[in-house]
Amino acid sequence: MAIRNKKSSLLMWSSGHKFASTALFLLILVAGFFVYQRIALEMNEHAFQQARVTIDTIYADIASRVGKPDNFKRTNDCSRPSQEFEQGPLSCSVDTDFIYGVTDEQAANALFKQIQGVISLHKDLIEPIKPLDNSIKDTLVVNSYYHSAEDYYKTSSMDCSVKYTYSTPREIDLSITDSTKKPLEINIVCSDWAKAQYYPLD
């Protein structure tokens, strides 16, 4: 009888030990998941913060080397594409728009090349992922000409682009100070999917 009781006690201890081990393993797994989620969220937010620092650094260098623009605007926002039955995935972007007045398209191209050159000095922050455009191109779209060029870059963790738009009113948001000149607007933007809404929804 004593032997049976001992075996029964051992089985109960073994069963209890396995349950406790399983419970501890599940607790560690759940805690690890939440820690991973928190770290991933912080890294994602940091990537947007670093992209903003990158754009601000490049803009400041352009303003210093090329000249202060007539106007500029900084924007941080998030958006969701509209879907029929649910909210689309969240993405966020940080960007800076600025504008210069130029005499003609030749002057716009010269300024475009200058700005490209300044950006190329910051390869520690941003690298091109495609060959850079050689000039502002004229494209006919629905009976209207669009004059633009666009370069594509990447930071350590995010895709970016720099778009140059010359004398295309429907595509230009900022204004120049000299109405006798034509506008060249530059948009530097970095964007990515976001794990949280870091900025106001657009």
C-alpha atoms as a PDB file:
ATOM      1  CA  MET A   1       0.000   0.000   0.000  1.00  0.00           C
ATOM      2  CA  ALA A   2       2.859   2.326   0.883  1.00  0.00           C
ATOM      3  CA  ILE A   3       4.468   1.593  -2.489  1.00  0.00           C
ATOM      4  CA  ARG A   4       1.230   2.468  -4.311  1.00  0.00           C
ATOM      5  CA  ASN A   5       0.885   5.741  -2.398  1.00  0.00           C
ATOM      6  CA  LYS A   6       4.493   6.611  -3.221  1.00  0.00           C
ATOM      7  CA  LYS A   7       3.966   5.900  -6.925  1.00  0.00           C
ATOM      8  CA  SER A   8       0.764   7.959  -6.856  1.00  0.00           C
ATOM      9  CA  SER A   9       2.587  10.869  -5.205  1.00  0.00           C
ATOM     10  CA  LEU A  10       5.379  10.685  -7.761  1.00  0.00           C
ATOM     11  CA  LEU A  11       2.889  10.725 -10.630  1.00  0.00           C
ATOM     12  CA  MET A  12       1.073  13.697  -9.132  1.00  0.00           C
ATOM     13  CA  TRP A  13       4.373  15.538  -8.627  1.00  0.00           C
ATOM     14  CA  SER A  14       5.477  14.733 -12.174  1.00  0.00           C
ATOM     15  CA  SER A  15       2.136  15.856 -13.595  1.00  0.00           C
ATOM     16  CA  GLY A  16       2.200  19.030 -11.520  1.00  0.00           C
ATOM     17  CA  HIS A  17       5.782  19.740 -12.530  1.00  0.00           C
ATOM     18  CA  LYS A  18       4.943  19.338 -16.230  1.00  0.00           C
ATOM     19  CA  PHE A  19       1.943  21.675 -15.851  1.00  0.00           C
ATOM     20  CA  ALA A  20       4.046  24.273 -14.055  1.00  0.00           C
ATOM     21  CA  SER A  21       6.787  23.991 -16.698  1.00  0.00           C
ATOM     22  CA  THR A  22       4.257  24.361 -19.518  1.00  0.00           C
ATOM     23  CA  ALA A  23       2.608  27.336 -17.808  1.00  0.00           C
ATOM     24  CA  LEU A  24       6.004  28.989 -17.267  1.00  0.00           C
ATOM     25  CA  PHE A  25       6.956  28.370 -20.906  1.00  0.00           C
ATOM     26  CA  LEU A  26       3.689  29.912 -22.125  1.00  0.00           C
ATOM     27  CA  LEU A  27       4.154  32.887 -19.789  1.00  0.00           C
ATOM     28  CA  ILE A  28       7.682  33.480 -21.127  1.00  0.00           C
ATOM     29  CA  LEU A  29       6.396  33.113 -24.701  1.00  0.00           C
ATOM     30  CA  VAL A  30       3.606  35.663 -24.174  1.00  0.00           C
ATOM     31  CA  ALA A  31       5.941  38.080 -22.372  1.00  0.00           C
ATOM     32  CA  GLY A  32       8.518  37.691 -25.148  1.00  0.00           C
ATOM     33  CA  PHE A  33       5.870  38.420 -27.788  1.00  0.00           C
ATOM     34  CA  PHE A  34       4.834  41.675 -26.069  1.00  0.00           C
ATOM     35  CA  VAL A  35       8.468  42.716 -25.598  1.00  0.00           C
ATOM     36  CA  TYR A  36       9.122  42.018 -29.304  1.00  0.00           C
ATOM     37  CA  GLN A  37       6.037  44.046 -30.301  1.00  0.00           C
ATOM     38  CA  ARG A  38       7.156  46.949 -28.131  1.00  0.00           C
ATOM     39  CA  ILE A  39      10.684  46.921 -29.545  1.00  0.00           C
ATOM     40  CA  ALA A  40       9.354  46.668 -33.129  1.00  0.00           C
ATOM     41  CA  LEU A  41       7.044  49.642 -32.480  1.00  0.00           C
ATOM     42  CA  GLU A  42       9.873  51.746 -31.046  1.00  0.00           C
ATOM     43  CA  MET A  43      12.169  50.866 -33.973  1.00  0.00           C
ATOM     44  CA  ASN A  44       9.434  51.732 -36.482  1.00  0.00           C
ATOM     45  CA  GLU A  45       8.776  55.102 -34.840  1.00  0.00           C
ATOM     46  CA  HIS A  46      12.518  55.780 -34.644  1.00  0.00           C
ATOM     47  CA  ALA A  47      12.824  55.135 -38.397  1.00  0.00           C
ATOM     48  CA  PHE A  48      10.341  57.945 -39.098  1.00  0.00           C
ATOM     49  CA  GLN A  49      12.113  60.252 -36.650  1.00  0.00           C
ATOM     50  CA  GLN A  50      15.432  59.548 -38.375  1.00  0.00           C
ATOM     51  CA  ALA A  51      13.886  60.155 -41.793  1.00  0.00           C
ATOM     52  CA  ARG A  52      12.705  63.559 -40.576  1.00  0.00           C
ATOM     53  CA  VAL A  53      16.210  64.382 -39.331  1.00  0.00           C
ATOM     54  CA  THR A  54      17.629  63.274 -42.700  1.00  0.00           C
ATOM     55  CA  ILE A  55      15.250  65.486 -44.690  1.00  0.00           C
ATOM     56  CA  ASP A  56      15.824  68.474 -42.391  1.00  0.00           C
ATOM     57  CA  THR A  57      19.604  68.051 -42.709  1.00  0.00           C
ATOM     58  CA  ILE A  58      19.476  67.883 -46.504  1.00  0.00           C
ATOM     59  CA  TYR A  59      17.052  70.806 -46.765  1.00  0.00           C
ATOM     60  CA  ALA A  60      19.252  72.976 -44.528  1.00  0.00           C
ATOM     61  CA  ASP A  61      22.297  72.166 -46.670  1.00  0.00           C
ATOM     62  CA  ILE A  62      20.415  72.969 -49.893  1.00  0.00           C
ATOM     63  CA  ALA A  63      19.251  76.306 -48.453  1.00  0.00           C
ATOM     64  CA  SER A  64      22.833  77.067 -47.406  1.00  0.00           C
ATOM     65  CA  ARG A  65      24.617  76.028 -50.629  1.00  0.00           C
ATOM     66  CA  VAL A  66      22.023  76.788 -53.320  1.00  0.00           C
ATOM     67  CA  GLY A  67      20.178  79.650 -51.656  1.00  0.00           C
ATOM     68  CA  LYS A  68      17.183  80.163 -49.437  1.00  0.00           C
ATOM     69  CA  PRO A  69      13.949  79.204 -51.239  1.00  0.00           C
ATOM     70  CA  ASP A  70      11.006  81.571 -51.629  1.00  0.00           C
ATOM     71  CA  ASN A  71       8.825  79.346 -49.480  1.00  0.00           C
ATOM     72  CA  PHE A  72       8.831  75.955 -47.769  1.00  0.00           C
ATOM     73  CA  LYS A  73       6.538  73.591 -45.853  1.00  0.00           C
ATOM     74  CA  ARG A  74       7.229  70.632 -43.524  1.00  0.00           C
ATOM     75  CA  THR A  75       4.597  67.896 -43.232  1.00  0.00           C
ATOM     76  CA  ASN A  76       4.310  64.753 -41.114  1.00  0.00           C
ATOM     77  CA  ASP A  77       1.158  62.703 -41.664  1.00  0.00           C
ATOM     78  CA  CYS A  78      -0.362  59.245 -41.877  1.00  0.00           C
ATOM     79  CA  SER A  79      -3.026  57.773 -44.152  1.00  0.00           C
ATOM     80  CA  ARG A  80      -5.079  54.666 -44.841  1.00  0.00           C
ATOM     81  CA  PRO A  81      -6.280  53.676 -48.314  1.00  0.00           C
ATOM     82  CA  SER A  82     -10.062  53.353 -48.473  1.00  0.00           C
ATOM     83  CA  GLN A  83     -11.309  49.782 -48.765  1.00  0.00           C
ATOM     84  CA  GLU A  84     -14.872  48.532 -49.156  1.00  0.00           C
ATOM     85  CA  PHE A  85     -15.326  46.589 -45.917  1.00  0.00           C
ATOM     86  CA  GLU A  86     -12.385  47.507 -43.698  1.00  0.00           C
ATOM     87  CA  GLN A  87      -9.674  50.070 -43.064  1.00  0.00           C
ATOM     88  CA  GLY A  88      -6.642  49.723 -45.277  1.00  0.00           C
ATOM     89  CA  PRO A  89      -3.091  49.360 -43.935  1.00  0.00           C
ATOM     90  CA  LEU A  90      -1.641  52.382 -42.161  1.00  0.00           C
ATOM     91  CA  SER A  91       1.278  54.247 -43.686  1.00  0.00           C
ATOM     92  CA  CYS A  92       3.034  57.433 -42.627  1.00  0.00           C
ATOM     93  CA  SER A  93       5.256  59.919 -44.391  1.00  0.00           C
ATOM     94  CA  VAL A  94       7.517  62.845 -43.584  1.00  0.00           C
ATOM     95  CA  ASP A  95       8.228  65.424 -46.238  1.00  0.00           C
ATOM     96  CA  THR A  96       9.434  68.918 -46.977  1.00  0.00           C
ATOM     97  CA  ASP A  97       8.332  71.052 -49.947  1.00  0.00           C
ATOM     98  CA  PHE A  98      10.204  74.163 -51.028  1.00  0.00           C
ATOM     99  CA  ILE A  99      10.107  76.419 -54.058  1.00  0.00           C
ATOM    100  CA  TYR A 100      12.330  78.731 -56.105  1.00  0.00           C
ATOM    101  CA  GLY A 101      11.505  81.258 -58.803  1.00  0.00           C
ATOM    102  CA  VAL A 102      13.465  80.708 -62.061  1.00  0.00           C
ATOM    103  CA  THR A 103      13.550  82.517 -65.396  1.00  0.00           C
ATOM    104  CA  ASP A 104      12.975  79.536 -67.687  1.00  0.00           C
ATOM    105  CA  GLU A 105      13.331  75.760 -68.044  1.00  0.00           C
ATOM    106  CA  GLN A 106      17.067  76.030 -68.680  1.00  0.00           C
ATOM    107  CA  ALA A 107      17.490  77.808 -65.334  1.00  0.00           C
ATOM    108  CA  ALA A 108      15.222  75.219 -63.711  1.00  0.00           C
ATOM    109  CA  ASN A 109      17.455  72.418 -65.002  1.00  0.00           C
ATOM    110  CA  ALA A 110      20.566  74.169 -63.736  1.00  0.00           C
ATOM    111  CA  LEU A 111      19.010  74.498 -60.273  1.00  0.00           C
ATOM    112  CA  PHE A 112      17.805  70.894 -60.437  1.00  0.00           C
ATOM    113  CA  LYS A 113      21.396  69.698 -61.058  1.00  0.00           C
ATOM    114  CA  GLN A 114      22.695  71.868 -58.208  1.00  0.00           C
ATOM    115  CA  ILE A 115      20.226  70.344 -55.766  1.00  0.00           C
ATOM    116  CA  GLN A 116      21.029  66.827 -56.959  1.00  0.00           C
ATOM    117  CA  GLY A 117      24.681  67.611 -56.287  1.00  0.00           C
ATOM    118  CA  VAL A 118      23.985  68.755 -52.721  1.00  0.00           C
ATOM    119  CA  ILE A 119      21.929  65.625 -51.991  1.00  0.00           C
ATOM    120  CA  SER A 120      24.775  63.464 -53.317  1.00  0.00           C
ATOM    121  CA  LEU A 121      26.985  64.864 -50.529  1.00  0.00           C
ATOM    122  CA  HIS A 122      24.815  63.036 -47.980  1.00  0.00           C
ATOM    123  CA  LYS A 123      25.359  59.413 -48.968  1.00  0.00           C
ATOM    124  CA  ASP A 124      25.805  58.605 -45.289  1.00  0.00           C
ATOM    125  CA  LEU A 125      22.122  59.484 -44.867  1.00  0.00           C
ATOM    126  CA  ILE A 126      20.473  58.677 -48.180  1.00  0.00           C
ATOM    127  CA  GLU A 127      21.498  56.553 -51.187  1.00  0.00           C
ATOM    128  CA  PRO A 128      19.988  56.488 -54.702  1.00  0.00           C
ATOM    129  CA  ILE A 129      18.331  53.171 -55.594  1.00  0.00           C
ATOM    130  CA  LYS A 130      17.912  54.022 -59.300  1.00  0.00           C
ATOM    131  CA  PRO A 131      19.930  56.104 -61.766  1.00  0.00           C
ATOM    132  CA  LEU A 132      19.178  59.787 -61.219  1.00  0.00           C
ATOM    133  CA  ASP A 133      17.175  61.736 -63.786  1.00  0.00           C
ATOM    134  CA  ASN A 134      19.323  63.813 -66.135  1.00  0.00           C
ATOM    135  CA  SER A 135      16.886  66.671 -66.639  1.00  0.00           C
ATOM    136  CA  ILE A 136      13.352  67.897 -66.176  1.00  0.00           C
ATOM    137  CA  LYS A 137      11.176  66.135 -68.732  1.00  0.00           C
ATOM    138  CA  ASP A 138       8.115  67.440 -70.555  1.00  0.00           C
ATOM    139  CA  THR A 139       5.237  64.948 -70.556  1.00  0.00           C
ATOM    140  CA  LEU A 140       1.888  65.450 -72.290  1.00  0.00           C
ATOM    141  CA  VAL A 141      -1.031  64.320 -70.095  1.00  0.00           C
ATOM    142  CA  VAL A 142      -4.619  64.999 -71.197  1.00  0.00           C
ATOM    143  CA  ASN A 143      -3.816  68.044 -73.336  1.00  0.00           C
ATOM    144  CA  SER A 144      -1.510  69.533 -70.687  1.00  0.00           C
ATOM    145  CA  TYR A 145       2.263  69.395 -70.342  1.00  0.00           C
ATOM    146  CA  TYR A 146       3.802  68.312 -67.057  1.00  0.00           C
ATOM    147  CA  HIS A 147       7.403  69.380 -66.474  1.00  0.00           C
ATOM    148  CA  SER A 148       9.049  67.227 -63.823  1.00  0.00           C
ATOM    149  CA  ALA A 149      11.838  64.903 -62.751  1.00  0.00           C
ATOM    150  CA  GLU A 150      11.979  62.420 -59.875  1.00  0.00           C
ATOM    151  CA  ASP A 151      14.823  60.600 -58.128  1.00  0.00           C
ATOM    152  CA  TYR A 152      14.448  57.603 -55.831  1.00  0.00           C
ATOM    153  CA  TYR A 153      16.492  57.021 -52.688  1.00  0.00           C
ATOM    154  CA  LYS A 154      16.630  54.883 -49.577  1.00  0.00           C
ATOM    155  CA  THR A 155      17.635  55.651 -46.010  1.00  0.00           C
ATOM    156  CA  SER A 156      18.827  52.848 -43.741  1.00  0.00           C
ATOM    157  CA  SER A 157      15.219  51.723 -43.293  1.00  0.00           C
ATOM    158  CA  MET A 158      12.858  53.685 -45.552  1.00  0.00           C
ATOM    159  CA  ASP A 159      12.164  54.532 -49.200  1.00  0.00           C
ATOM    160  CA  CYS A 160      12.361  58.200 -50.189  1.00  0.00           C
ATOM    161  CA  SER A 161      12.001  60.311 -53.307  1.00  0.00           C
ATOM    162  CA  VAL A 162      12.816  63.801 -54.483  1.00  0.00           C
ATOM    163  CA  LYS A 163      10.447  65.277 -57.051  1.00  0.00           C
ATOM    164  CA  TYR A 164      11.148  68.445 -59.043  1.00  0.00           C
ATOM    165  CA  THR A 165       8.122  70.143 -60.637  1.00  0.00           C
ATOM    166  CA  TYR A 166       8.609  73.096 -62.973  1.00  0.00           C
ATOM    167  CA  SER A 167       5.866  75.514 -64.053  1.00  0.00           C
ATOM    168  CA  THR A 168       2.968  73.049 -63.743  1.00  0.00           C
ATOM    169  CA  PRO A 169       0.366  74.989 -61.720  1.00  0.00           C
ATOM    170  CA  ARG A 170      -1.944  72.075 -60.884  1.00  0.00           C
ATOM    171  CA  GLU A 171       1.010  70.177 -59.344  1.00  0.00           C
ATOM    172  CA  ILE A 172       2.505  73.076 -57.364  1.00  0.00           C
ATOM    173  CA  ASP A 173       1.259  74.033 -53.883  1.00  0.00           C
ATOM    174  CA  LEU A 174       3.643  76.798 -52.802  1.00  0.00           C
ATOM    175  CA  SER A 175       4.013  80.304 -54.198  1.00  0.00           C
ATOM    176  CA  ILE A 176       7.054  82.275 -55.335  1.00  0.00           C
ATOM    177  CA  THR A 177       7.778  85.887 -54.394  1.00  0.00           C
ATOM    178  CA  ASP A 178       8.531  87.215 -57.904  1.00  0.00           C
ATOM    179  CA  SER A 179       5.496  86.832 -60.176  1.00  0.00           C
ATOM    180  CA  THR A 180       7.622  87.501 -63.284  1.00  0.00           C
ATOM    181  CA  LYS A 181       9.449  84.196 -62.745  1.00  0.00           C
ATOM    182  CA  LYS A 182       8.311  80.598 -63.040  1.00  0.00           C
ATOM    183  CA  PRO A 183       8.119  78.151 -60.128  1.00  0.00           C
ATOM    184  CA  LEU A 184      10.344  75.154 -59.481  1.00  0.00           C
ATOM    185  CA  GLU A 185       8.966  73.197 -56.528  1.00  0.00           C
ATOM    186  CA  ILE A 186      10.939  70.411 -54.845  1.00  0.00           C
ATOM    187  CA  ASN A 187       9.372  67.735 -52.673  1.00  0.00           C
ATOM    188  CA  ILE A 188      11.549  65.467 -50.493  1.00  0.00           C
ATOM    189  CA  VAL A 189       9.524  62.657 -48.931  1.00  0.00           C
ATOM    190  CA  CYS A 190      10.188  59.421 -47.032  1.00  0.00           C
ATOM    191  CA  SER A 191       7.360  56.985 -46.327  1.00  0.00           C
ATOM    192  CA  ASP A 192       6.654  53.466 -45.105  1.00  0.00           C
ATOM    193  CA  TRP A 193       4.031  51.226 -43.522  1.00  0.00           C
ATOM    194  CA  ALA A 194       3.516  52.206 -39.892  1.00  0.00           C
ATOM    195  CA  LYS A 195       2.832  50.087 -36.820  1.00  0.00           C
ATOM    196  CA  ALA A 196       1.011  53.001 -35.139  1.00  0.00           C
ATOM    197  CA  GLN A 197      -0.401  56.401 -36.056  1.00  0.00           C
ATOM    198  CA  TYR A 198       2.569  58.622 -35.230  1.00  0.00           C
ATOM    199  CA  TYR A 199       1.134  61.705 -36.984  1.00  0.00           C
ATOM    200  CA  PRO A 200      -2.317  63.122 -37.844  1.00  0.00           C
ATOM    201  CA  LEU A 201      -4.301  61.301 -40.533  1.00  0.00           C
ATOM    202  CA  ASP A 202      -4.253  63.026 -43.880  1.00  0.00           C
END
